[in-house]
Each structure stands twice: as C-alpha cells, then as structure tokens.
Amino acid sequence: MVKVAFICVHNSCRSQIAEALGKHLAGDVFESYSAGTETKSQINQDAVRLMKQLYGIDMEKTQRSKLLSELPPIDMVVTMGCNVDCPYLPCKHKIDWGLDDPTGKSDEEFVRTIGAIEENIKELALKLISSKET
C-alpha cells in the first residue's frame, strides 16, 4: 500500500488533521502519516475539538506530534503550504496543498481548512485508485 506523509513545520495542526482524515476516509487506499521538522507538546486543541465534533475522531488518542526522522520510507509527501521552506523528505511524488494555517483563528477558519483537507484527501484517494487501474 502507498505510504503518504502529510508534513509541515510543527506537525500540530494541518498535517495532523490530514493524517486523521486520511486514515478515516482513505485507509483502504493509502497509509497516512504526519510529521514535521519541529514538534509541539500537544496537537492544536482547536483542531482536536473540531475533529471530535465533526468526525468523532479523537486525534489525541491515536496521534502525537512527530519528527520526520520517525517516519517509515514514504512514497508520497504532501506539504500543507508552510509559507516558509517546507521540510524535505525523500519520496517518489510530492504535492503541496498550499493551505493557510488556521492556528489562532476562528472556528469558521478551522472548519474551512478541515473541509479543504477532506476534499484533497478524497481527490488523492481517487487519483491513487485510478492510477492502480491503468
């Protein structure tokens, strides 16, 4: 199965949401991981609260902030849109989703970002399924 790593600098918000939604929505298509070049002591609490509310997913039970060095060999890297130099990780394919970090912003901004990540996860799963079929 294809291993996909969602990465950003701190691995505390967008990449964590993408890992959780990847497992939830596309776990039968690809394996989801997340990591960063730095870690935070906890996952963003607004992200945790809204993922529980929207999807019933408790990211604090299944995930933690991780460094790039903790990942297995990865087939595809998805960067979140770091607005700085995104972390580098060897892989076969790389995509940048260019998402703004909702940290410190309203729930509405978080929900918009989570929705964009959900759409991107579904689109990625469809692309991977169709590439297997050809």
N, C-alpha and C. Protein backbone atom coordinates (compact mmCIF):
# COMPACT_ATOMS: atom_id res chain seq x y z
N MET A 1 0.85 -1.19 0.00
CA MET A 1 0.00 0.00 0.00
C MET A 1 0.89 1.24 0.00
N VAL A 2 0.45 2.27 -0.71
CA VAL A 2 1.18 3.53 -0.80
C VAL A 2 1.22 4.19 0.57
N LYS A 3 2.40 4.69 0.95
CA LYS A 3 2.57 5.41 2.21
C LYS A 3 2.63 6.90 1.91
N VAL A 4 1.71 7.66 2.50
CA VAL A 4 1.61 9.11 2.27
C VAL A 4 1.93 9.82 3.58
N ALA A 5 2.86 10.77 3.51
CA ALA A 5 3.20 11.58 4.69
C ALA A 5 2.72 13.01 4.47
N PHE A 6 1.96 13.50 5.43
CA PHE A 6 1.50 14.89 5.42
C PHE A 6 2.45 15.65 6.34
N ILE A 7 3.15 16.63 5.78
CA ILE A 7 4.16 17.30 6.59
C ILE A 7 4.01 18.82 6.58
N CYS A 8 4.38 19.40 7.70
CA CYS A 8 4.52 20.84 7.84
C CYS A 8 5.55 21.07 8.93
N VAL A 9 5.81 22.27 9.27
CA VAL A 9 6.91 22.56 10.19
C VAL A 9 6.67 21.97 11.58
N HIS A 10 5.53 22.27 12.20
CA HIS A 10 5.33 21.90 13.61
C HIS A 10 4.58 20.59 13.84
N ASN A 11 3.95 20.04 12.81
CA ASN A 11 3.17 18.81 12.95
C ASN A 11 2.21 18.90 14.14
N SER A 12 1.43 19.99 14.17
CA SER A 12 0.48 20.14 15.28
C SER A 12 -0.94 20.45 14.83
N CYS A 13 -1.14 20.77 13.55
CA CYS A 13 -2.48 21.18 13.14
C CYS A 13 -2.87 20.57 11.79
N ARG A 14 -2.53 21.24 10.69
CA ARG A 14 -2.98 20.78 9.36
C ARG A 14 -2.51 19.37 9.02
N SER A 15 -1.24 19.07 9.27
CA SER A 15 -0.73 17.73 8.93
C SER A 15 -1.38 16.67 9.81
N GLN A 16 -1.67 17.01 11.06
CA GLN A 16 -2.36 16.08 11.96
C GLN A 16 -3.79 15.82 11.49
N ILE A 17 -4.48 16.88 11.06
CA ILE A 17 -5.84 16.74 10.53
C ILE A 17 -5.80 15.85 9.29
N ALA A 18 -4.83 16.08 8.41
CA ALA A 18 -4.72 15.28 7.18
C ALA A 18 -4.44 13.81 7.50
N GLU A 19 -3.57 13.55 8.47
CA GLU A 19 -3.31 12.16 8.86
C GLU A 19 -4.60 11.50 9.35
N ALA A 20 -5.32 12.19 10.22
CA ALA A 20 -6.56 11.63 10.78
C ALA A 20 -7.61 11.39 9.70
N LEU A 21 -7.80 12.37 8.81
CA LEU A 21 -8.79 12.21 7.75
C LEU A 21 -8.35 11.18 6.72
N GLY A 22 -7.05 11.09 6.47
CA GLY A 22 -6.55 10.06 5.55
C GLY A 22 -6.87 8.67 6.08
N LYS A 23 -6.64 8.46 7.36
CA LYS A 23 -6.95 7.16 7.97
C LYS A 23 -8.46 6.91 7.95
N HIS A 24 -9.23 7.94 8.25
CA HIS A 24 -10.69 7.83 8.36
C HIS A 24 -11.37 7.63 7.00
N LEU A 25 -10.94 8.39 5.99
CA LEU A 25 -11.64 8.41 4.70
C LEU A 25 -11.00 7.54 3.63
N ALA A 26 -9.70 7.26 3.76
CA ALA A 26 -8.99 6.57 2.67
C ALA A 26 -8.04 5.49 3.19
N GLY A 27 -8.30 4.99 4.38
CA GLY A 27 -7.43 3.97 4.97
C GLY A 27 -7.30 2.71 4.15
N ASP A 28 -8.28 2.47 3.27
CA ASP A 28 -8.22 1.30 2.40
C ASP A 28 -7.44 1.57 1.11
N VAL A 29 -7.05 2.84 0.88
CA VAL A 29 -6.35 3.22 -0.34
C VAL A 29 -4.87 3.53 -0.07
N PHE A 30 -4.59 4.24 1.03
CA PHE A 30 -3.20 4.56 1.37
C PHE A 30 -3.02 4.64 2.88
N GLU A 31 -1.77 4.46 3.31
CA GLU A 31 -1.41 4.60 4.73
C GLU A 31 -1.07 6.06 4.98
N SER A 32 -1.61 6.63 6.04
CA SER A 32 -1.39 8.05 6.36
C SER A 32 -0.44 8.22 7.53
N TYR A 33 0.48 9.16 7.37
CA TYR A 33 1.43 9.54 8.42
C TYR A 33 1.50 11.06 8.43
N SER A 34 2.00 11.62 9.53
CA SER A 34 2.29 13.05 9.54
C SER A 34 3.55 13.28 10.36
N ALA A 35 4.23 14.39 10.05
CA ALA A 35 5.46 14.72 10.78
C ALA A 35 5.85 16.15 10.46
N GLY A 36 6.87 16.63 11.19
CA GLY A 36 7.38 17.98 10.96
C GLY A 36 8.85 18.06 11.30
N THR A 37 9.44 19.23 11.06
CA THR A 37 10.85 19.43 11.41
C THR A 37 10.99 19.81 12.87
N GLU A 38 9.88 20.24 13.48
CA GLU A 38 9.84 20.54 14.91
C GLU A 38 8.57 19.89 15.44
N THR A 39 8.48 19.71 16.74
CA THR A 39 7.25 19.17 17.30
C THR A 39 6.71 20.13 18.36
N LYS A 40 5.44 19.98 18.64
CA LYS A 40 4.78 20.72 19.72
C LYS A 40 4.46 19.72 20.82
N SER A 41 4.26 20.21 22.02
CA SER A 41 3.96 19.31 23.14
C SER A 41 2.60 18.65 23.01
N GLN A 42 1.70 19.27 22.24
CA GLN A 42 0.38 18.66 22.02
C GLN A 42 -0.17 19.11 20.67
N ILE A 43 -1.11 18.33 20.18
CA ILE A 43 -1.78 18.69 18.94
C ILE A 43 -2.65 19.92 19.22
N ASN A 44 -2.79 20.79 18.23
CA ASN A 44 -3.60 22.00 18.36
C ASN A 44 -4.98 21.65 18.93
N GLN A 45 -5.32 22.27 20.05
CA GLN A 45 -6.55 21.92 20.77
C GLN A 45 -7.82 22.30 20.02
N ASP A 46 -7.78 23.35 19.20
CA ASP A 46 -8.95 23.68 18.37
C ASP A 46 -9.16 22.59 17.32
N ALA A 47 -8.07 22.11 16.74
CA ALA A 47 -8.16 21.03 15.75
C ALA A 47 -8.70 19.76 16.40
N VAL A 48 -8.22 19.44 17.60
CA VAL A 48 -8.67 18.25 18.32
C VAL A 48 -10.18 18.36 18.59
N ARG A 49 -10.61 19.50 19.11
CA ARG A 49 -12.02 19.71 19.44
C ARG A 49 -12.92 19.61 18.21
N LEU A 50 -12.51 20.26 17.12
CA LEU A 50 -13.36 20.28 15.93
C LEU A 50 -13.36 18.94 15.20
N MET A 51 -12.27 18.20 15.22
CA MET A 51 -12.25 16.87 14.60
C MET A 51 -13.15 15.90 15.38
N LYS A 52 -13.19 16.05 16.71
CA LYS A 52 -14.12 15.24 17.52
C LYS A 52 -15.56 15.60 17.17
N GLN A 53 -15.81 16.90 17.09
CA GLN A 53 -17.16 17.39 16.83
C GLN A 53 -17.64 17.00 15.43
N LEU A 54 -16.78 17.15 14.41
CA LEU A 54 -17.19 16.93 13.02
C LEU A 54 -17.16 15.46 12.59
N TYR A 55 -16.18 14.70 13.10
CA TYR A 55 -15.99 13.34 12.60
C TYR A 55 -15.98 12.28 13.70
N GLY A 56 -16.03 12.69 14.96
CA GLY A 56 -15.94 11.72 16.04
C GLY A 56 -14.55 11.13 16.19
N ILE A 57 -13.53 11.83 15.67
CA ILE A 57 -12.15 11.35 15.73
C ILE A 57 -11.44 12.04 16.88
N ASP A 58 -10.83 11.27 17.77
CA ASP A 58 -10.04 11.83 18.87
C ASP A 58 -8.56 11.70 18.51
N MET A 59 -8.01 12.74 17.91
CA MET A 59 -6.62 12.70 17.44
C MET A 59 -5.64 12.50 18.59
N GLU A 60 -5.98 12.96 19.79
CA GLU A 60 -5.06 12.80 20.91
C GLU A 60 -4.92 11.34 21.34
N LYS A 61 -5.90 10.51 21.04
CA LYS A 61 -5.82 9.10 21.39
C LYS A 61 -5.00 8.31 20.37
N THR A 62 -4.99 8.75 19.11
CA THR A 62 -4.37 7.96 18.05
C THR A 62 -3.12 8.60 17.44
N GLN A 63 -2.83 9.85 17.76
CA GLN A 63 -1.73 10.55 17.12
C GLN A 63 -0.95 11.38 18.14
N ARG A 64 0.27 11.75 17.73
CA ARG A 64 1.11 12.66 18.51
C ARG A 64 1.98 13.43 17.53
N SER A 65 2.58 14.50 17.99
CA SER A 65 3.48 15.29 17.16
C SER A 65 4.77 14.50 16.94
N LYS A 66 5.17 14.33 15.67
CA LYS A 66 6.33 13.50 15.32
C LYS A 66 7.30 14.25 14.43
N LEU A 67 8.57 13.85 14.49
CA LEU A 67 9.61 14.40 13.61
C LEU A 67 9.70 13.57 12.33
N LEU A 68 10.23 14.18 11.28
CA LEU A 68 10.42 13.49 10.01
C LEU A 68 11.20 12.19 10.18
N SER A 69 12.19 12.21 11.06
CA SER A 69 13.05 11.03 11.25
C SER A 69 12.30 9.82 11.82
N GLU A 70 11.11 10.03 12.33
CA GLU A 70 10.33 8.93 12.91
C GLU A 70 9.45 8.20 11.88
N LEU A 71 9.44 8.68 10.64
CA LEU A 71 8.59 8.08 9.62
C LEU A 71 9.26 6.88 8.95
N PRO A 72 8.45 5.93 8.48
CA PRO A 72 9.00 4.85 7.66
C PRO A 72 9.32 5.41 6.27
N PRO A 73 9.93 4.63 5.37
CA PRO A 73 10.12 5.11 3.99
C PRO A 73 8.77 5.49 3.38
N ILE A 74 8.71 6.65 2.74
CA ILE A 74 7.46 7.24 2.26
C ILE A 74 7.44 7.25 0.72
N ASP A 75 6.26 6.98 0.15
CA ASP A 75 6.09 7.02 -1.30
C ASP A 75 5.69 8.42 -1.79
N MET A 76 4.85 9.09 -1.02
CA MET A 76 4.34 10.40 -1.43
C MET A 76 4.36 11.37 -0.25
N VAL A 77 4.84 12.57 -0.51
CA VAL A 77 4.85 13.63 0.51
C VAL A 77 3.85 14.70 0.09
N VAL A 78 3.00 15.08 1.03
CA VAL A 78 2.07 16.18 0.82
C VAL A 78 2.42 17.26 1.83
N THR A 79 2.89 18.41 1.33
CA THR A 79 3.17 19.53 2.22
C THR A 79 1.89 20.37 2.31
N MET A 80 1.72 21.01 3.45
CA MET A 80 0.48 21.72 3.73
C MET A 80 0.46 23.15 3.22
N GLY A 81 1.62 23.69 2.87
CA GLY A 81 1.71 25.09 2.49
C GLY A 81 2.31 25.85 3.64
N CYS A 82 3.61 25.70 3.80
CA CYS A 82 4.29 26.14 5.02
C CYS A 82 4.53 27.65 5.09
N ASN A 83 4.46 28.32 3.97
CA ASN A 83 4.77 29.76 3.89
C ASN A 83 6.22 30.06 4.28
N VAL A 84 7.00 29.02 4.41
CA VAL A 84 8.45 29.12 4.62
C VAL A 84 9.00 27.96 3.81
N ASP A 85 10.26 27.60 3.97
CA ASP A 85 10.76 26.42 3.28
C ASP A 85 10.14 25.20 3.91
N CYS A 86 9.36 24.47 3.12
CA CYS A 86 8.72 23.26 3.63
C CYS A 86 9.79 22.21 3.90
N PRO A 87 9.55 21.38 4.89
CA PRO A 87 10.51 20.32 5.19
C PRO A 87 10.71 19.40 4.00
N TYR A 88 11.92 18.83 3.86
CA TYR A 88 12.21 17.91 2.77
C TYR A 88 12.22 16.48 3.29
N LEU A 89 11.63 15.61 2.52
CA LEU A 89 11.60 14.20 2.85
C LEU A 89 11.71 13.43 1.54
N PRO A 90 12.66 12.48 1.43
CA PRO A 90 12.79 11.72 0.18
C PRO A 90 11.49 10.96 -0.12
N CYS A 91 11.09 10.97 -1.40
CA CYS A 91 9.86 10.29 -1.80
C CYS A 91 9.83 10.18 -3.32
N LYS A 92 8.83 9.45 -3.83
CA LYS A 92 8.66 9.31 -5.28
C LYS A 92 7.84 10.46 -5.86
N HIS A 93 6.89 10.97 -5.09
CA HIS A 93 5.99 12.04 -5.55
C HIS A 93 5.81 13.07 -4.44
N LYS A 94 5.68 14.35 -4.85
CA LYS A 94 5.48 15.42 -3.88
C LYS A 94 4.37 16.35 -4.37
N ILE A 95 3.50 16.72 -3.45
CA ILE A 95 2.38 17.63 -3.74
C ILE A 95 2.38 18.70 -2.65
N ASP A 96 2.01 19.93 -3.00
CA ASP A 96 1.82 20.97 -1.98
C ASP A 96 0.37 21.43 -2.06
N TRP A 97 -0.33 21.35 -0.92
CA TRP A 97 -1.74 21.75 -0.89
C TRP A 97 -1.93 23.24 -0.63
N GLY A 98 -0.90 23.95 -0.24
CA GLY A 98 -0.98 25.40 -0.08
C GLY A 98 -2.07 25.90 0.83
N LEU A 99 -2.25 25.25 1.98
CA LEU A 99 -3.30 25.63 2.92
C LEU A 99 -2.78 26.60 3.98
N ASP A 100 -3.55 27.63 4.26
CA ASP A 100 -3.18 28.56 5.33
C ASP A 100 -3.37 27.87 6.68
N ASP A 101 -2.50 28.19 7.62
CA ASP A 101 -2.57 27.63 8.96
C ASP A 101 -3.69 28.35 9.72
N PRO A 102 -4.70 27.60 10.21
CA PRO A 102 -5.81 28.24 10.93
C PRO A 102 -5.50 28.50 12.41
N THR A 103 -4.32 28.14 12.89
CA THR A 103 -3.98 28.29 14.30
C THR A 103 -4.22 29.73 14.76
N GLY A 104 -4.95 29.86 15.86
CA GLY A 104 -5.22 31.18 16.43
C GLY A 104 -6.37 31.91 15.75
N LYS A 105 -7.00 31.28 14.77
CA LYS A 105 -8.10 31.92 14.05
C LYS A 105 -9.44 31.34 14.52
N SER A 106 -10.52 31.78 13.92
CA SER A 106 -11.88 31.39 14.33
C SER A 106 -12.17 29.93 13.98
N ASP A 107 -13.21 29.39 14.63
CA ASP A 107 -13.67 28.04 14.28
C ASP A 107 -14.05 27.96 12.81
N GLU A 108 -14.62 29.04 12.29
CA GLU A 108 -15.00 29.08 10.88
C GLU A 108 -13.78 28.84 9.98
N GLU A 109 -12.65 29.47 10.31
CA GLU A 109 -11.42 29.26 9.53
C GLU A 109 -10.95 27.81 9.65
N PHE A 110 -11.02 27.25 10.86
CA PHE A 110 -10.64 25.85 11.06
C PHE A 110 -11.51 24.93 10.23
N VAL A 111 -12.82 25.14 10.29
CA VAL A 111 -13.76 24.28 9.56
C VAL A 111 -13.49 24.38 8.05
N ARG A 112 -13.18 25.57 7.57
CA ARG A 112 -12.87 25.76 6.15
C ARG A 112 -11.61 24.96 5.79
N THR A 113 -10.59 25.03 6.63
CA THR A 113 -9.34 24.30 6.37
C THR A 113 -9.58 22.79 6.44
N ILE A 114 -10.32 22.34 7.44
CA ILE A 114 -10.64 20.91 7.58
C ILE A 114 -11.40 20.44 6.34
N GLY A 115 -12.35 21.23 5.87
CA GLY A 115 -13.11 20.87 4.66
C GLY A 115 -12.22 20.77 3.44
N ALA A 116 -11.27 21.69 3.30
CA ALA A 116 -10.33 21.65 2.17
C ALA A 116 -9.46 20.39 2.25
N ILE A 117 -9.02 20.05 3.46
CA ILE A 117 -8.21 18.84 3.64
C ILE A 117 -9.05 17.61 3.28
N GLU A 118 -10.30 17.57 3.72
CA GLU A 118 -11.17 16.43 3.39
C GLU A 118 -11.30 16.27 1.87
N GLU A 119 -11.56 17.37 1.17
CA GLU A 119 -11.69 17.30 -0.29
C GLU A 119 -10.39 16.82 -0.94
N ASN A 120 -9.26 17.33 -0.45
CA ASN A 120 -7.96 16.92 -1.00
C ASN A 120 -7.69 15.44 -0.75
N ILE A 121 -8.07 14.94 0.42
CA ILE A 121 -7.88 13.51 0.75
C ILE A 121 -8.69 12.66 -0.22
N LYS A 122 -9.95 13.03 -0.43
CA LYS A 122 -10.82 12.27 -1.33
C LYS A 122 -10.26 12.28 -2.76
N GLU A 123 -9.81 13.45 -3.20
CA GLU A 123 -9.24 13.59 -4.53
C GLU A 123 -7.98 12.74 -4.68
N LEU A 124 -7.12 12.76 -3.67
CA LEU A 124 -5.89 11.96 -3.69
C LEU A 124 -6.23 10.47 -3.75
N ALA A 125 -7.19 10.04 -2.95
CA ALA A 125 -7.60 8.64 -2.96
C ALA A 125 -8.10 8.22 -4.35
N LEU A 126 -8.91 9.06 -4.98
CA LEU A 126 -9.41 8.76 -6.32
C LEU A 126 -8.27 8.66 -7.33
N LYS A 127 -7.31 9.57 -7.25
CA LYS A 127 -6.16 9.53 -8.17
C LYS A 127 -5.35 8.25 -7.97
N LEU A 128 -5.14 7.86 -6.73
CA LEU A 128 -4.37 6.64 -6.46
C LEU A 128 -5.13 5.40 -6.93
N ILE A 129 -6.45 5.38 -6.75
CA ILE A 129 -7.25 4.25 -7.22
C ILE A 129 -7.19 4.16 -8.74
N SER A 130 -7.37 5.30 -9.42
CA SER A 130 -7.37 5.28 -10.90
C SER A 130 -5.99 4.97 -11.45
N SER A 131 -4.92 5.34 -10.74
CA SER A 131 -3.58 5.02 -11.23
C SER A 131 -3.29 3.53 -11.09
N LYS A 132 -3.92 2.85 -10.14
CA LYS A 132 -3.78 1.40 -9.99
C LYS A 132 -4.49 0.67 -11.12
N GLU A 133 -5.59 1.25 -11.57
CA GLU A 133 -6.42 0.59 -12.58
C GLU A 133 -5.84 0.69 -13.98
N THR A 134 -4.95 1.64 -14.22
CA THR A 134 -4.40 1.81 -15.57
C THR A 134 -3.12 1.04 -15.76
